[in-house]
N, C-alpha and C. Protein backbone atom coordinates (compact mmCIF):
# COMPACT_ATOMS: atom_id res chain seq x y z
N MET A 1 -168.41 89.82 18.95
CA MET A 1 -167.91 90.39 20.19
C MET A 1 -168.29 89.46 21.33
N VAL A 2 -167.29 89.03 22.09
CA VAL A 2 -167.52 88.12 23.20
C VAL A 2 -167.62 88.94 24.49
N ILE A 3 -168.69 88.74 25.22
CA ILE A 3 -168.86 89.40 26.51
C ILE A 3 -168.69 88.34 27.58
N TYR A 4 -167.71 88.55 28.43
CA TYR A 4 -167.51 87.60 29.51
C TYR A 4 -168.67 87.72 30.50
N PRO A 5 -169.10 86.59 31.07
CA PRO A 5 -170.13 86.69 32.11
C PRO A 5 -169.64 87.49 33.31
N ALA A 6 -168.33 87.47 33.51
CA ALA A 6 -167.77 88.22 34.63
C ALA A 6 -167.88 89.73 34.42
N SER A 7 -168.04 90.16 33.16
CA SER A 7 -168.11 91.60 32.88
C SER A 7 -169.27 92.26 33.60
N LEU A 8 -170.43 91.62 33.54
CA LEU A 8 -171.60 92.20 34.20
C LEU A 8 -171.43 92.20 35.72
N LEU A 9 -170.82 91.14 36.25
CA LEU A 9 -170.56 91.09 37.69
C LEU A 9 -169.58 92.18 38.10
N LEU A 10 -168.54 92.37 37.30
CA LEU A 10 -167.56 93.41 37.62
C LEU A 10 -168.17 94.81 37.50
N MET A 11 -169.04 95.00 36.50
CA MET A 11 -169.70 96.29 36.35
C MET A 11 -170.61 96.57 37.54
N ALA A 12 -171.35 95.54 37.97
CA ALA A 12 -172.23 95.71 39.14
C ALA A 12 -171.40 95.94 40.40
N GLY A 13 -170.28 95.25 40.53
CA GLY A 13 -169.41 95.46 41.68
C GLY A 13 -168.80 96.86 41.69
N GLY A 14 -168.42 97.35 40.52
CA GLY A 14 -167.92 98.71 40.44
C GLY A 14 -168.98 99.73 40.82
N ALA A 15 -170.21 99.47 40.40
CA ALA A 15 -171.31 100.36 40.77
C ALA A 15 -171.56 100.30 42.27
N LEU A 16 -171.50 99.10 42.85
CA LEU A 16 -171.72 98.97 44.29
C LEU A 16 -170.62 99.68 45.08
N GLY A 17 -169.37 99.46 44.69
CA GLY A 17 -168.26 100.12 45.38
C GLY A 17 -168.35 101.63 45.29
N ALA A 18 -168.67 102.14 44.09
CA ALA A 18 -168.81 103.59 43.92
C ALA A 18 -170.00 104.12 44.69
N PHE A 19 -171.09 103.33 44.76
CA PHE A 19 -172.25 103.76 45.52
C PHE A 19 -171.92 103.89 47.00
N LEU A 20 -171.18 102.90 47.54
CA LEU A 20 -170.80 102.97 48.96
C LEU A 20 -169.88 104.16 49.23
N LEU A 21 -168.93 104.40 48.33
CA LEU A 21 -168.03 105.54 48.51
C LEU A 21 -168.79 106.86 48.38
N ARG A 22 -169.75 106.91 47.47
CA ARG A 22 -170.54 108.14 47.30
C ARG A 22 -171.41 108.40 48.53
N ARG A 23 -171.99 107.34 49.07
CA ARG A 23 -172.81 107.50 50.29
C ARG A 23 -171.95 108.01 51.45
N SER A 24 -170.73 107.52 51.55
CA SER A 24 -169.85 108.00 52.62
C SER A 24 -169.49 109.46 52.40
N TRP A 25 -169.36 109.88 51.16
CA TRP A 25 -169.03 111.27 50.87
C TRP A 25 -170.22 112.18 51.18
N LEU A 26 -171.42 111.69 50.95
CA LEU A 26 -172.61 112.50 51.24
C LEU A 26 -172.79 112.72 52.74
N ARG A 27 -172.30 111.80 53.55
CA ARG A 27 -172.32 111.98 55.01
C ARG A 27 -171.06 112.73 55.41
N ARG A 28 -171.13 113.99 55.43
CA ARG A 28 -169.93 114.81 55.64
C ARG A 28 -169.54 114.95 57.10
N ASP A 29 -170.27 114.29 57.98
CA ASP A 29 -169.94 114.42 59.40
C ASP A 29 -168.88 113.41 59.85
N GLY A 30 -168.36 112.59 58.95
CA GLY A 30 -167.32 111.63 59.29
C GLY A 30 -167.83 110.38 59.96
N SER A 31 -169.12 110.09 59.84
CA SER A 31 -169.69 108.93 60.52
C SER A 31 -169.79 107.71 59.61
N ALA A 32 -169.03 107.67 58.54
CA ALA A 32 -169.18 106.57 57.60
C ALA A 32 -167.86 105.86 57.27
N PRO A 33 -167.02 105.52 58.26
CA PRO A 33 -165.79 104.81 57.90
C PRO A 33 -166.07 103.40 57.37
N GLY A 34 -167.18 102.81 57.80
CA GLY A 34 -167.54 101.49 57.30
C GLY A 34 -167.91 101.50 55.83
N LEU A 35 -168.56 102.58 55.39
CA LEU A 35 -168.91 102.70 53.98
C LEU A 35 -167.67 102.88 53.12
N ILE A 36 -166.71 103.65 53.62
CA ILE A 36 -165.47 103.85 52.88
C ILE A 36 -164.72 102.53 52.75
N ALA A 37 -164.56 101.85 53.87
CA ALA A 37 -163.86 100.56 53.85
C ALA A 37 -164.60 99.54 52.99
N GLY A 38 -165.92 99.51 53.10
CA GLY A 38 -166.70 98.57 52.29
C GLY A 38 -166.57 98.83 50.80
N GLY A 39 -166.61 100.10 50.42
CA GLY A 39 -166.47 100.44 49.01
C GLY A 39 -165.13 100.00 48.45
N TRP A 40 -164.05 100.29 49.19
CA TRP A 40 -162.72 99.90 48.71
C TRP A 40 -162.53 98.39 48.74
N VAL A 41 -163.11 97.71 49.73
CA VAL A 41 -163.00 96.25 49.78
C VAL A 41 -163.69 95.63 48.57
N VAL A 42 -164.86 96.14 48.22
CA VAL A 42 -165.57 95.60 47.05
C VAL A 42 -164.75 95.83 45.78
N LEU A 43 -164.26 97.04 45.59
CA LEU A 43 -163.52 97.35 44.36
C LEU A 43 -162.22 96.56 44.26
N LEU A 44 -161.43 96.56 45.31
CA LEU A 44 -160.15 95.85 45.27
C LEU A 44 -160.34 94.34 45.31
N GLY A 45 -161.35 93.87 46.04
CA GLY A 45 -161.61 92.43 46.09
C GLY A 45 -161.99 91.86 44.74
N LEU A 46 -162.85 92.58 44.03
CA LEU A 46 -163.22 92.12 42.69
C LEU A 46 -162.04 92.19 41.73
N LEU A 47 -161.20 93.20 41.88
CA LEU A 47 -160.01 93.31 41.03
C LEU A 47 -159.08 92.13 41.25
N LEU A 48 -158.80 91.81 42.50
CA LEU A 48 -157.91 90.69 42.80
C LEU A 48 -158.52 89.35 42.41
N THR A 49 -159.81 89.19 42.65
CA THR A 49 -160.49 87.95 42.26
C THR A 49 -160.46 87.77 40.75
N SER A 50 -160.72 88.83 40.02
CA SER A 50 -160.69 88.76 38.56
C SER A 50 -159.29 88.43 38.06
N ALA A 51 -158.27 89.03 38.67
CA ALA A 51 -156.89 88.74 38.26
C ALA A 51 -156.54 87.29 38.56
N PHE A 52 -157.05 86.74 39.64
CA PHE A 52 -156.76 85.35 40.00
C PHE A 52 -157.51 84.37 39.11
N LEU A 53 -158.80 84.64 38.83
CA LEU A 53 -159.61 83.69 38.09
C LEU A 53 -159.43 83.78 36.57
N ILE A 54 -159.35 84.97 36.04
CA ILE A 54 -159.26 85.15 34.58
C ILE A 54 -157.82 85.18 34.12
N GLY A 55 -156.95 85.76 34.91
CA GLY A 55 -155.54 85.89 34.55
C GLY A 55 -155.03 87.24 34.99
N PRO A 56 -153.73 87.33 35.27
CA PRO A 56 -153.22 88.59 35.81
C PRO A 56 -153.35 89.77 34.86
N VAL A 57 -153.18 89.56 33.57
CA VAL A 57 -153.24 90.68 32.63
C VAL A 57 -154.68 90.92 32.17
N LYS A 58 -155.30 89.87 31.62
CA LYS A 58 -156.65 90.03 31.09
C LYS A 58 -157.67 90.29 32.20
N GLY A 59 -157.52 89.63 33.33
CA GLY A 59 -158.45 89.83 34.44
C GLY A 59 -158.34 91.22 35.04
N THR A 60 -157.11 91.70 35.20
CA THR A 60 -156.93 93.05 35.75
C THR A 60 -157.48 94.10 34.80
N ALA A 61 -157.19 93.94 33.51
CA ALA A 61 -157.70 94.91 32.53
C ALA A 61 -159.23 94.90 32.48
N LEU A 62 -159.81 93.71 32.49
CA LEU A 62 -161.27 93.60 32.45
C LEU A 62 -161.89 94.20 33.71
N ALA A 63 -161.29 93.92 34.86
CA ALA A 63 -161.83 94.46 36.11
C ALA A 63 -161.74 95.99 36.14
N LEU A 64 -160.60 96.54 35.74
CA LEU A 64 -160.46 98.00 35.75
C LEU A 64 -161.46 98.67 34.81
N ALA A 65 -161.64 98.09 33.63
CA ALA A 65 -162.56 98.69 32.67
C ALA A 65 -164.01 98.57 33.13
N MET A 66 -164.42 97.39 33.55
CA MET A 66 -165.82 97.18 33.90
C MET A 66 -166.19 97.87 35.22
N GLU A 67 -165.29 97.83 36.20
CA GLU A 67 -165.58 98.54 37.45
C GLU A 67 -165.64 100.04 37.21
N GLY A 68 -164.79 100.53 36.31
CA GLY A 68 -164.84 101.95 35.96
C GLY A 68 -166.14 102.34 35.30
N ILE A 69 -166.65 101.48 34.42
CA ILE A 69 -167.94 101.75 33.77
C ILE A 69 -169.07 101.75 34.79
N GLY A 70 -169.03 100.77 35.71
CA GLY A 70 -170.06 100.73 36.75
C GLY A 70 -170.01 101.96 37.65
N ALA A 71 -168.80 102.40 37.99
CA ALA A 71 -168.66 103.60 38.82
C ALA A 71 -169.14 104.84 38.07
N LEU A 72 -168.86 104.92 36.78
CA LEU A 72 -169.33 106.07 35.99
C LEU A 72 -170.85 106.09 35.91
N LEU A 73 -171.47 104.92 35.89
CA LEU A 73 -172.94 104.89 35.90
C LEU A 73 -173.50 105.46 37.19
N VAL A 74 -172.88 105.14 38.32
CA VAL A 74 -173.32 105.69 39.60
C VAL A 74 -173.14 107.21 39.61
N ILE A 75 -172.02 107.67 39.09
CA ILE A 75 -171.78 109.11 39.03
C ILE A 75 -172.80 109.78 38.11
N TRP A 76 -173.08 109.16 36.98
CA TRP A 76 -174.05 109.72 36.02
C TRP A 76 -175.45 109.79 36.64
N LEU A 77 -175.84 108.75 37.34
CA LEU A 77 -177.17 108.75 37.94
C LEU A 77 -177.27 109.70 39.12
N GLY A 78 -176.15 110.03 39.76
CA GLY A 78 -176.17 110.91 40.92
C GLY A 78 -175.90 112.37 40.60
N ARG A 79 -175.85 112.69 39.31
CA ARG A 79 -175.54 114.08 38.96
C ARG A 79 -176.68 115.00 39.36
N VAL A 80 -176.36 116.23 39.55
CA VAL A 80 -177.35 117.22 39.96
C VAL A 80 -177.48 118.23 38.84
N ARG A 81 -178.71 118.46 38.42
CA ARG A 81 -178.96 119.45 37.39
C ARG A 81 -179.48 120.71 38.04
N ARG A 82 -178.89 121.81 37.65
CA ARG A 82 -179.34 123.09 38.17
C ARG A 82 -179.56 124.02 37.01
N LYS A 83 -180.53 124.84 37.16
CA LYS A 83 -180.77 125.84 36.13
C LYS A 83 -179.85 127.02 36.39
N ALA A 84 -179.38 127.62 35.32
CA ALA A 84 -178.41 128.70 35.45
C ALA A 84 -178.99 129.90 36.19
N GLY A 85 -180.27 130.13 36.08
CA GLY A 85 -180.88 131.28 36.74
C GLY A 85 -180.96 131.13 38.24
N ARG A 86 -180.95 129.90 38.74
CA ARG A 86 -181.08 129.69 40.18
C ARG A 86 -179.75 129.69 40.90
N LEU A 87 -178.65 129.65 40.18
CA LEU A 87 -177.35 129.65 40.83
C LEU A 87 -177.06 131.03 41.41
N ARG A 88 -176.58 131.01 42.61
CA ARG A 88 -176.14 132.25 43.23
C ARG A 88 -174.63 132.31 43.18
N GLU A 89 -174.09 133.43 43.46
CA GLU A 89 -172.63 133.61 43.42
C GLU A 89 -171.93 132.73 44.46
N VAL A 90 -172.57 132.49 45.62
CA VAL A 90 -171.94 131.69 46.67
C VAL A 90 -172.03 130.20 46.37
N ASP A 91 -172.88 129.76 45.44
CA ASP A 91 -173.02 128.36 45.12
C ASP A 91 -171.90 127.85 44.23
N VAL A 92 -171.20 128.74 43.58
CA VAL A 92 -170.20 128.34 42.60
C VAL A 92 -168.81 128.52 43.22
N ALA A 93 -167.97 127.52 43.03
CA ALA A 93 -166.59 127.63 43.52
C ALA A 93 -165.85 128.67 42.70
N PRO A 94 -165.04 129.48 43.35
CA PRO A 94 -164.32 130.51 42.60
C PRO A 94 -163.28 129.88 41.68
N GLU A 95 -163.17 130.41 40.51
CA GLU A 95 -162.19 129.94 39.55
C GLU A 95 -160.81 130.50 39.91
N PRO A 96 -159.75 129.77 39.59
CA PRO A 96 -158.41 130.30 39.89
C PRO A 96 -158.12 131.62 39.19
N LEU A 97 -158.73 131.82 38.02
CA LEU A 97 -158.46 133.05 37.28
C LEU A 97 -159.20 134.24 37.85
N GLU A 98 -160.15 134.03 38.75
CA GLU A 98 -160.92 135.12 39.33
C GLU A 98 -160.23 135.77 40.52
N GLU A 99 -159.14 135.17 40.99
CA GLU A 99 -158.44 135.77 42.12
C GLU A 99 -157.64 136.98 41.63
N PRO A 100 -157.31 137.88 42.53
CA PRO A 100 -156.57 139.07 42.10
C PRO A 100 -155.25 138.68 41.44
N GLY A 101 -154.99 139.27 40.30
CA GLY A 101 -153.80 138.92 39.54
C GLY A 101 -152.55 139.57 40.09
N ARG A 102 -151.53 138.76 40.23
CA ARG A 102 -150.21 139.25 40.64
C ARG A 102 -149.20 138.60 39.69
N VAL A 103 -148.27 139.39 39.24
CA VAL A 103 -147.31 138.89 38.26
C VAL A 103 -146.47 137.76 38.85
N TRP A 104 -146.02 137.89 40.08
CA TRP A 104 -145.16 136.88 40.65
C TRP A 104 -145.88 135.55 40.81
N ARG A 105 -147.20 135.57 41.07
CA ARG A 105 -147.96 134.32 41.17
C ARG A 105 -148.06 133.64 39.81
N GLY A 106 -148.25 134.44 38.77
CA GLY A 106 -148.30 133.88 37.41
C GLY A 106 -146.99 133.26 36.99
N VAL A 107 -145.88 133.94 37.30
CA VAL A 107 -144.56 133.39 36.97
C VAL A 107 -144.31 132.12 37.76
N LEU A 108 -144.66 132.13 39.04
CA LEU A 108 -144.46 130.94 39.87
C LEU A 108 -145.32 129.77 39.40
N ARG A 109 -146.57 130.05 39.05
CA ARG A 109 -147.44 128.97 38.52
C ARG A 109 -146.88 128.41 37.22
N THR A 110 -146.35 129.28 36.36
CA THR A 110 -145.77 128.81 35.10
C THR A 110 -144.56 127.92 35.36
N LEU A 111 -143.72 128.31 36.30
CA LEU A 111 -142.56 127.49 36.62
C LEU A 111 -142.97 126.17 37.27
N LEU A 112 -144.00 126.21 38.09
CA LEU A 112 -144.48 124.97 38.72
C LEU A 112 -145.10 124.04 37.69
N ALA A 113 -145.96 124.57 36.84
CA ALA A 113 -146.67 123.73 35.88
C ALA A 113 -145.73 123.22 34.79
N GLY A 114 -144.77 124.03 34.39
CA GLY A 114 -143.88 123.64 33.30
C GLY A 114 -142.76 122.73 33.76
N PRO A 115 -141.61 123.31 34.16
CA PRO A 115 -140.46 122.46 34.48
C PRO A 115 -140.66 121.54 35.68
N LEU A 116 -141.25 122.03 36.75
CA LEU A 116 -141.40 121.18 37.93
C LEU A 116 -142.46 120.10 37.70
N GLY A 117 -143.53 120.43 36.97
CA GLY A 117 -144.52 119.42 36.62
C GLY A 117 -143.92 118.35 35.73
N MET A 118 -143.05 118.76 34.79
CA MET A 118 -142.39 117.80 33.92
C MET A 118 -141.45 116.90 34.73
N THR A 119 -140.75 117.47 35.69
CA THR A 119 -139.84 116.69 36.52
C THR A 119 -140.61 115.64 37.33
N ALA A 120 -141.74 116.05 37.90
CA ALA A 120 -142.55 115.10 38.66
C ALA A 120 -143.11 114.00 37.75
N ALA A 121 -143.54 114.37 36.55
CA ALA A 121 -144.06 113.37 35.60
C ALA A 121 -142.96 112.41 35.17
N MET A 122 -141.75 112.92 34.94
CA MET A 122 -140.64 112.05 34.59
C MET A 122 -140.31 111.10 35.73
N ALA A 123 -140.36 111.60 36.96
CA ALA A 123 -140.05 110.75 38.11
C ALA A 123 -141.04 109.60 38.21
N VAL A 124 -142.32 109.88 38.04
CA VAL A 124 -143.33 108.81 38.11
C VAL A 124 -143.17 107.85 36.94
N ALA A 125 -142.91 108.38 35.74
CA ALA A 125 -142.73 107.51 34.56
C ALA A 125 -141.49 106.63 34.73
N PHE A 126 -140.39 107.19 35.24
CA PHE A 126 -139.19 106.37 35.47
C PHE A 126 -139.46 105.30 36.50
N CYS A 127 -140.15 105.66 37.56
CA CYS A 127 -140.46 104.70 38.62
C CYS A 127 -141.32 103.56 38.08
N LEU A 128 -142.33 103.90 37.28
CA LEU A 128 -143.17 102.86 36.68
C LEU A 128 -142.36 102.00 35.72
N THR A 129 -141.46 102.60 34.96
CA THR A 129 -140.63 101.85 34.01
C THR A 129 -139.72 100.86 34.73
N VAL A 130 -139.18 101.26 35.86
CA VAL A 130 -138.26 100.38 36.59
C VAL A 130 -139.01 99.22 37.24
N TYR A 131 -140.18 99.47 37.81
CA TYR A 131 -140.87 98.45 38.61
C TYR A 131 -141.92 97.65 37.84
N MET A 132 -142.27 98.06 36.63
CA MET A 132 -143.30 97.35 35.88
C MET A 132 -142.75 96.01 35.39
N PRO A 133 -143.56 94.96 35.44
CA PRO A 133 -143.07 93.68 34.92
C PRO A 133 -143.12 93.68 33.39
N GLY A 134 -142.32 92.81 32.81
CA GLY A 134 -142.36 92.66 31.37
C GLY A 134 -141.01 92.94 30.74
N ASP A 135 -141.02 92.92 29.41
CA ASP A 135 -139.81 93.16 28.62
C ASP A 135 -139.34 94.61 28.81
N PRO A 136 -138.04 94.83 28.96
CA PRO A 136 -137.55 96.20 29.18
C PRO A 136 -137.93 97.17 28.07
N ARG A 137 -137.96 96.71 26.83
CA ARG A 137 -138.32 97.61 25.73
C ARG A 137 -139.77 98.06 25.85
N THR A 138 -140.64 97.14 26.23
CA THR A 138 -142.05 97.49 26.42
C THR A 138 -142.22 98.46 27.57
N ARG A 139 -141.49 98.24 28.65
CA ARG A 139 -141.57 99.14 29.80
C ARG A 139 -141.11 100.55 29.44
N ILE A 140 -140.06 100.65 28.64
CA ILE A 140 -139.55 101.96 28.24
C ILE A 140 -140.57 102.68 27.37
N VAL A 141 -141.19 101.96 26.45
CA VAL A 141 -142.20 102.58 25.58
C VAL A 141 -143.41 103.04 26.40
N ILE A 142 -143.87 102.20 27.32
CA ILE A 142 -145.02 102.59 28.15
C ILE A 142 -144.68 103.79 29.03
N GLY A 143 -143.48 103.80 29.61
CA GLY A 143 -143.05 104.95 30.41
C GLY A 143 -142.98 106.21 29.57
N GLY A 144 -142.48 106.09 28.34
CA GLY A 144 -142.41 107.25 27.45
C GLY A 144 -143.78 107.75 27.03
N LEU A 145 -144.72 106.85 26.84
CA LEU A 145 -146.07 107.26 26.47
C LEU A 145 -146.83 107.85 27.66
N LEU A 146 -146.51 107.39 28.86
CA LEU A 146 -147.18 107.92 30.05
C LEU A 146 -146.69 109.31 30.43
N MET A 147 -145.45 109.63 30.08
CA MET A 147 -144.84 110.88 30.53
C MET A 147 -145.64 112.12 30.13
N PRO A 148 -146.05 112.30 28.87
CA PRO A 148 -146.83 113.51 28.55
C PRO A 148 -148.20 113.53 29.22
N VAL A 149 -148.81 112.36 29.42
CA VAL A 149 -150.10 112.32 30.10
C VAL A 149 -149.94 112.75 31.55
N LEU A 150 -148.92 112.23 32.21
CA LEU A 150 -148.66 112.60 33.59
C LEU A 150 -148.29 114.08 33.71
N TRP A 151 -147.54 114.59 32.73
CA TRP A 151 -147.18 116.01 32.75
C TRP A 151 -148.42 116.87 32.59
N GLY A 152 -149.32 116.47 31.70
CA GLY A 152 -150.58 117.21 31.54
C GLY A 152 -151.41 117.21 32.81
N LEU A 153 -151.46 116.07 33.49
CA LEU A 153 -152.19 116.00 34.76
C LEU A 153 -151.55 116.90 35.81
N ALA A 154 -150.21 116.89 35.88
CA ALA A 154 -149.52 117.74 36.85
C ALA A 154 -149.75 119.21 36.54
N MET A 155 -149.73 119.57 35.26
CA MET A 155 -149.97 120.98 34.88
C MET A 155 -151.39 121.40 35.23
N THR A 156 -152.35 120.55 34.90
CA THR A 156 -153.74 120.88 35.18
C THR A 156 -153.98 121.07 36.67
N TRP A 157 -153.47 120.14 37.46
CA TRP A 157 -153.67 120.24 38.90
C TRP A 157 -152.97 121.47 39.47
N THR A 158 -151.76 121.74 39.00
CA THR A 158 -151.02 122.89 39.52
C THR A 158 -151.72 124.20 39.19
N LEU A 159 -152.22 124.32 37.99
CA LEU A 159 -152.89 125.56 37.60
C LEU A 159 -154.26 125.71 38.24
N ALA A 160 -154.89 124.62 38.60
CA ALA A 160 -156.22 124.69 39.21
C ALA A 160 -156.15 124.86 40.73
N ASP A 161 -155.03 124.50 41.33
CA ASP A 161 -154.92 124.59 42.79
C ASP A 161 -154.68 126.04 43.20
N ARG A 162 -155.42 126.49 44.18
CA ARG A 162 -155.30 127.87 44.63
C ARG A 162 -154.13 128.07 45.58
N ARG A 163 -153.63 127.00 46.17
CA ARG A 163 -152.53 127.11 47.13
C ARG A 163 -151.22 126.73 46.45
N ILE A 164 -150.37 127.71 46.27
CA ILE A 164 -149.13 127.50 45.54
C ILE A 164 -148.15 126.64 46.35
N LEU A 165 -148.11 126.85 47.65
CA LEU A 165 -147.16 126.07 48.46
C LEU A 165 -147.52 124.59 48.49
N ARG A 166 -148.80 124.27 48.50
CA ARG A 166 -149.22 122.86 48.48
C ARG A 166 -148.82 122.22 47.15
N ALA A 167 -149.02 122.93 46.05
CA ALA A 167 -148.63 122.41 44.75
C ALA A 167 -147.12 122.22 44.66
N THR A 168 -146.38 123.18 45.19
CA THR A 168 -144.92 123.08 45.18
C THR A 168 -144.46 121.87 45.99
N ALA A 169 -145.00 121.71 47.18
CA ALA A 169 -144.60 120.59 48.03
C ALA A 169 -144.96 119.25 47.38
N ALA A 170 -146.12 119.17 46.77
CA ALA A 170 -146.53 117.91 46.13
C ALA A 170 -145.63 117.57 44.94
N LEU A 171 -145.32 118.57 44.12
CA LEU A 171 -144.48 118.30 42.94
C LEU A 171 -143.04 117.97 43.33
N VAL A 172 -142.50 118.70 44.30
CA VAL A 172 -141.13 118.41 44.75
C VAL A 172 -141.08 117.04 45.42
N GLY A 173 -142.05 116.75 46.27
CA GLY A 173 -142.10 115.45 46.93
C GLY A 173 -142.23 114.31 45.94
N THR A 174 -143.09 114.47 44.95
CA THR A 174 -143.26 113.44 43.92
C THR A 174 -141.98 113.23 43.15
N SER A 175 -141.29 114.32 42.83
CA SER A 175 -140.03 114.21 42.09
C SER A 175 -138.97 113.47 42.90
N VAL A 176 -138.81 113.86 44.15
CA VAL A 176 -137.77 113.25 44.99
C VAL A 176 -138.08 111.77 45.23
N VAL A 177 -139.31 111.47 45.60
CA VAL A 177 -139.67 110.07 45.88
C VAL A 177 -139.62 109.23 44.61
N GLY A 178 -140.13 109.75 43.50
CA GLY A 178 -140.13 108.99 42.25
C GLY A 178 -138.74 108.69 41.75
N PHE A 179 -137.88 109.72 41.68
CA PHE A 179 -136.50 109.47 41.23
C PHE A 179 -135.74 108.61 42.22
N GLY A 180 -136.00 108.80 43.52
CA GLY A 180 -135.33 107.96 44.52
C GLY A 180 -135.71 106.50 44.39
N LEU A 181 -136.99 106.23 44.22
CA LEU A 181 -137.42 104.83 44.06
C LEU A 181 -136.92 104.24 42.75
N ALA A 182 -136.91 105.04 41.68
CA ALA A 182 -136.39 104.55 40.40
C ALA A 182 -134.91 104.23 40.50
N TRP A 183 -134.15 105.11 41.16
CA TRP A 183 -132.71 104.87 41.33
C TRP A 183 -132.48 103.62 42.17
N LEU A 184 -133.24 103.49 43.24
CA LEU A 184 -133.10 102.33 44.12
C LEU A 184 -133.44 101.04 43.38
N GLY A 185 -134.53 101.05 42.61
CA GLY A 185 -134.91 99.86 41.87
C GLY A 185 -133.92 99.50 40.78
N ALA A 186 -133.36 100.51 40.11
CA ALA A 186 -132.37 100.25 39.06
C ALA A 186 -131.09 99.69 39.65
N HIS A 187 -130.66 100.20 40.80
CA HIS A 187 -129.43 99.70 41.41
C HIS A 187 -129.63 98.34 42.05
N LEU A 188 -130.77 98.08 42.63
CA LEU A 188 -131.02 96.75 43.20
C LEU A 188 -131.19 95.73 42.09
N GLY A 189 -131.81 96.12 40.98
CA GLY A 189 -131.98 95.20 39.85
C GLY A 189 -130.67 94.90 39.17
N ALA A 190 -129.75 95.90 39.11
CA ALA A 190 -128.47 95.70 38.45
C ALA A 190 -127.54 94.83 39.29
N SER A 191 -127.66 94.94 40.62
CA SER A 191 -126.77 94.18 41.50
C SER A 191 -127.24 92.74 41.68
N ALA A 192 -128.52 92.46 41.37
CA ALA A 192 -129.04 91.10 41.56
C ALA A 192 -128.65 90.17 40.45
C-alpha cells in the first residue's frame, strides 16, 4: 500500500479547516466570519492545490478523502458524552414523530418524500450527467447510480424536517433548477 506524502498534509489540512469551522460554530454570536472564511479557504485551497499538483482526478479524489478523514477526526474529538440520566426533556430536540399526528400531514409528507423527492433527485442526477466531464456512457451510469442515493437523502431530509412548506419549496426549487440546467446544457451541447 502506497501512502502519498501529501495524504498526511491533506488530512491535517482537513482537520484544520474543520477545526476553524467548528470554532466559528461554537461562537454563536456571529463574531467569527474570519474563521468561516479561513476554514473554507483552507479546505478549498488544499483541494485545488492537490488537483493541480497530483492531477485533476487522482488529486481531487485524494484531497476529498483525506480532508474528509481529517474533518471526521475533529468531529470525533469534539463529541460530547452525556449520561442518559442527566438529560432533561428540554435538552433533547423533539423528534418529528412526537408532534401531534394529523392525517393530512402524513399524506403530504409521503407525497413530498416519495414522488417529489424522486423528481428532485432525478433533476440533480440529470444535471450532473449533462455537465460531468468524461465519456457519455460513464456519465449516464454515474447519474443512474447517484439517483437512488440522492432520492434517499431527499426522503430523509423531507421526513426529518418539521416545516412542510420549507421542504416543499426546496424540493420544487431543486426540481425546476436541476431540470432547467440539464435541459439548457443538453441543448447548448447539441447545438455546439
